[in-house]
Protein backbone atom coordinates (compact mmCIF):
# COMPACT_ATOMS: atom_id res chain seq x y z
CA GLU A 1 -74.03 3.26 64.28
CA ARG A 2 -70.63 1.57 64.16
CA MET A 3 -70.95 0.55 60.48
CA GLY A 4 -72.39 3.86 59.38
CA ARG A 5 -75.47 4.78 57.37
CA GLN A 6 -73.63 4.28 54.10
CA ARG A 7 -73.51 0.49 54.50
CA ALA A 8 -76.33 -0.16 56.91
CA TRP A 9 -79.13 -0.04 54.33
CA ILE A 10 -77.27 -2.52 52.16
CA TYR A 11 -76.85 -4.91 55.09
CA ALA A 12 -80.51 -4.48 55.94
CA ALA A 13 -81.48 -5.39 52.32
CA LEU A 14 -79.28 -8.51 52.52
CA LEU A 15 -80.94 -9.55 55.78
CA TYR A 16 -84.33 -8.89 54.21
CA ALA A 17 -83.39 -11.23 51.39
CA VAL A 18 -82.10 -13.89 53.82
CA ALA A 19 -85.46 -13.75 55.63
CA HIS A 20 -87.05 -14.93 52.37
CA VAL A 21 -84.77 -18.00 51.99
CA PRO A 22 -87.36 -20.46 53.33
CA THR A 23 -89.51 -19.66 50.33
CA LEU A 24 -86.92 -21.54 48.22
CA TRP A 25 -88.45 -24.77 49.54
CA ALA A 26 -92.02 -23.55 49.73
CA LEU A 27 -92.01 -22.64 46.00
CA ARG A 28 -89.86 -25.47 44.67
CA THR A 29 -91.02 -27.22 41.50
CA THR A 30 -92.55 -30.66 41.35
CA ALA A 31 -89.07 -31.95 40.36
CA GLY A 32 -87.68 -30.54 43.61
CA ILE A 33 -85.76 -27.67 41.93
CA LEU A 34 -85.43 -24.64 44.23
CA ASN A 35 -86.68 -21.32 42.87
CA PRO A 36 -84.56 -18.33 43.98
CA LEU A 37 -86.84 -15.72 42.32
CA ILE A 38 -88.41 -14.53 45.62
CA VAL A 39 -85.06 -14.16 47.35
CA VAL A 40 -83.60 -12.15 44.47
CA ALA A 41 -86.76 -10.01 44.26
CA ALA A 42 -86.55 -9.45 48.05
CA LEU A 43 -82.88 -8.31 47.68
CA ILE A 44 -83.83 -5.88 44.95
CA ALA A 45 -86.89 -4.61 46.76
CA GLY A 46 -84.87 -4.25 49.99
CA LEU A 47 -82.32 -2.13 48.16
CA VAL A 48 -85.04 0.00 46.62
CA TRP A 49 -86.95 0.54 49.87
CA GLY A 50 -83.76 1.12 51.83
CA GLY A 51 -82.65 3.59 49.22
CA LEU A 52 -86.07 5.29 49.42
CA VAL A 53 -85.67 5.70 53.17
CA ARG A 54 -82.15 6.90 52.80
CA ALA A 55 -83.16 9.46 50.10
CA THR A 56 -86.19 10.83 51.92
CA GLY A 57 -85.07 10.41 55.48
CA ARG A 58 -88.46 8.93 56.35
CA VAL A 59 -89.66 5.35 56.59
CA MET A 60 -93.30 6.00 55.69
CA PRO A 61 -92.83 6.24 51.91
CA ALA A 62 -91.13 2.81 51.97
CA ILE A 63 -93.93 1.35 54.08
CA VAL A 64 -96.58 2.72 51.67
CA SER A 65 -94.58 1.41 48.70
CA HIS A 66 -94.28 -2.03 50.35
CA VAL A 67 -98.05 -2.13 51.00
CA PHE A 68 -98.87 -1.30 47.37
CA PHE A 69 -96.26 -3.82 46.16
CA ASP A 70 -97.72 -6.59 48.35
CA TRP A 71 -101.22 -5.72 47.20
CA ALA A 72 -100.22 -5.86 43.58
CA VAL A 73 -98.41 -9.16 43.98
CA LEU A 74 -101.21 -10.79 45.92
CA VAL A 75 -103.92 -9.53 43.56
CA MET A 76 -102.12 -9.87 40.22
CA PHE A 77 -99.96 -12.96 40.91
CA PRO A 78 -101.50 -15.04 43.68
CA LEU A 79 -99.24 -17.95 44.61
CA GLY A 80 -100.60 -21.39 45.25
CA VAL A 81 -104.06 -20.64 44.02
CA ALA A 82 -105.37 -23.06 41.42
CA THR A 83 -107.40 -21.47 38.65
CA SER A 84 -109.92 -23.36 36.56
CA PRO A 85 -109.89 -22.92 32.83
């Protein structure tokens, strides 16, 4: 309440991105290079979902959007699953 609704959703998106920082090491390359793609994607998604909540005044559309996004990512781009040619 102290920071106001104008900035709170941005801070929430930043915290959502920070929560994904451990994936930098989980998804590093064989050469040990860290991959920030998930953290950047989490920041963008957090801003989108936070903006959706802010625009609609309801959290359910963001939850449904997150579920569909997770489903699409897990089905279309499964991580760590070896595929045979």
